[in-house]
């Protein structure tokens, strides 16, 4: 439920929010689920964050009727044999990377914070 790097932690919490915290107390980034998904769901019980093979970042939970879409990668639904993974980097940013199978290279296709300046 928590990814941690240095003073930053990325959490999926039961009130339907994805949150990046600095020093476990200051909100650096926060994103809640769409209210149309969670109107009848006061708190999630066992939220799970996932990246679908086509590049969609989702949250699933037994209380949700369907998975909730959080975001799309930049290469969402591109054709080809693409592998994707989610990572909290040493620069305290969370990213989705894409790699064409067999290429040996990766590209950033989504980030929590696009401009860290």
Protein backbone atom coordinates (compact mmCIF):
# COMPACT_ATOMS: atom_id res chain seq x y z
CA UNK A 1 0.00 0.00 0.00
CA UNK A 2 3.06 2.30 0.23
CA UNK A 3 6.00 2.95 -2.09
CA UNK A 4 8.80 4.91 -0.39
CA UNK A 5 11.90 6.69 -1.66
CA UNK A 6 13.87 8.96 0.65
CA UNK A 7 11.52 11.43 2.31
CA UNK A 8 8.67 10.76 -0.17
CA UNK A 9 5.98 8.11 0.04
CA UNK A 10 3.29 7.24 -2.48
CA UNK A 11 0.13 5.77 -0.95
CA UNK A 12 -3.17 4.37 -2.04
CA UNK A 13 -5.45 5.06 0.90
CA UNK A 14 -8.91 3.81 1.77
CA UNK A 15 -10.66 7.15 1.21
CA UNK A 16 -10.12 6.64 -2.55
CA UNK A 17 -7.05 8.88 -2.87
CA UNK A 18 -3.66 8.36 -4.38
CA UNK A 19 -1.33 10.56 -2.36
CA UNK A 20 2.34 11.50 -2.52
CA UNK A 21 3.60 12.74 0.84
CA UNK A 22 6.82 14.42 1.87
CA UNK A 23 8.09 13.45 5.32
CA UNK A 24 4.87 11.41 5.88
CA UNK A 25 2.94 14.61 6.58
CA UNK A 26 2.96 17.18 3.75
CA UNK A 27 0.83 16.39 0.69
CA UNK A 28 2.98 16.80 -2.42
CA UNK A 29 0.36 15.41 -4.83
CA UNK A 30 -3.14 14.02 -4.37
CA UNK A 31 -5.74 12.57 -6.72
CA UNK A 32 -9.11 11.17 -5.75
CA UNK A 33 -11.38 8.93 -7.75
CA UNK A 34 -14.18 10.32 -9.85
CA UNK A 35 -17.26 10.88 -7.65
CA UNK A 36 -19.46 8.99 -10.13
CA UNK A 37 -17.46 5.86 -9.25
CA UNK A 38 -17.47 6.31 -5.49
CA UNK A 39 -20.78 8.07 -4.63
CA UNK A 40 -22.14 4.95 -2.91
CA UNK A 41 -18.76 3.78 -1.59
CA UNK A 42 -17.77 5.62 1.62
CA UNK A 43 -14.38 3.91 2.03
CA UNK A 44 -12.53 1.27 0.10
CA UNK A 45 -11.73 -1.93 1.99
CA UNK A 46 -8.79 -3.42 0.05
CA UNK A 47 -7.78 -1.00 -2.71
CA UNK A 48 -5.37 -2.26 -5.34
CA UNK A 49 -3.46 -0.09 -7.78
CA UNK A 50 -2.68 -1.59 -11.17
CA UNK A 51 -1.43 -0.81 -14.65
CA UNK A 52 -3.41 -2.51 -17.38
CA UNK A 53 -1.44 -3.88 -20.35
CA UNK A 54 -2.80 -1.09 -22.59
CA UNK A 55 -1.46 1.66 -20.26
CA UNK A 56 -4.38 2.53 -17.99
CA UNK A 57 -3.65 3.18 -14.30
CA UNK A 58 -6.56 1.76 -12.27
CA UNK A 59 -7.80 1.18 -8.74
CA UNK A 60 -9.87 -1.88 -7.93
CA UNK A 61 -11.64 -2.80 -4.72
CA UNK A 62 -14.39 -5.25 -3.67
CA UNK A 63 -16.66 -2.24 -2.93
CA UNK A 64 -16.36 -0.88 -6.49
CA UNK A 65 -18.71 -2.21 -9.16
CA UNK A 66 -15.91 -1.88 -11.74
CA UNK A 67 -12.28 -0.79 -11.76
CA UNK A 68 -11.80 2.96 -11.49
CA UNK A 69 -9.61 4.62 -14.11
CA UNK A 70 -7.10 7.00 -12.55
CA UNK A 71 -5.04 8.00 -15.59
CA UNK A 72 -3.78 6.92 -19.01
CA UNK A 73 -0.17 6.62 -20.12
CA UNK A 74 0.94 8.80 -23.05
CA UNK A 75 1.11 5.72 -25.27
CA UNK A 76 -2.28 4.41 -24.17
CA UNK A 77 -3.57 1.59 -26.39
CA UNK A 78 -0.70 1.82 -28.89
CA UNK A 79 -0.38 -1.25 -31.06
CA UNK A 80 2.48 -3.68 -30.61
CA UNK A 81 3.89 -5.88 -27.93
CA UNK A 82 4.44 -3.25 -25.21
CA UNK A 83 5.29 -4.01 -21.59
CA UNK A 84 4.49 -1.39 -18.91
CA UNK A 85 5.60 -0.97 -15.30
CA UNK A 86 5.03 1.46 -12.45
CA UNK A 87 7.97 2.79 -10.41
CA UNK A 88 8.77 5.27 -7.64
CA UNK A 89 12.08 6.79 -8.73
CA UNK A 90 15.02 8.07 -6.71
CA UNK A 91 14.01 11.63 -7.65
CA UNK A 92 10.77 11.07 -5.68
CA UNK A 93 8.46 10.91 -8.70
CA UNK A 94 6.16 8.04 -9.67
CA UNK A 95 6.20 7.03 -13.32
CA UNK A 96 4.82 4.49 -15.74
CA UNK A 97 7.40 3.21 -18.20
CA UNK A 98 6.79 1.43 -21.48
CA UNK A 99 9.08 -0.92 -23.35
CA UNK A 100 8.52 -2.64 -26.65
CA UNK A 101 9.14 -6.32 -25.95
CA UNK A 102 12.66 -7.30 -26.98
CA UNK A 103 13.86 -3.72 -27.54
CA UNK A 104 15.90 -3.44 -24.34
CA UNK A 105 14.90 0.21 -23.91
CA UNK A 106 12.21 1.99 -21.90
CA UNK A 107 10.43 5.33 -22.25
CA UNK A 108 8.56 7.35 -19.65
CA UNK A 109 4.88 7.32 -20.59
CA UNK A 110 3.30 8.93 -17.48
CA UNK A 111 4.44 10.75 -14.34
CA UNK A 112 2.72 11.98 -11.18
CA UNK A 113 4.59 15.29 -11.41
CA UNK A 114 5.39 16.30 -14.99
CA UNK A 115 7.39 19.43 -14.09
CA UNK A 116 9.41 19.04 -10.89
CA UNK A 117 10.80 22.60 -10.99
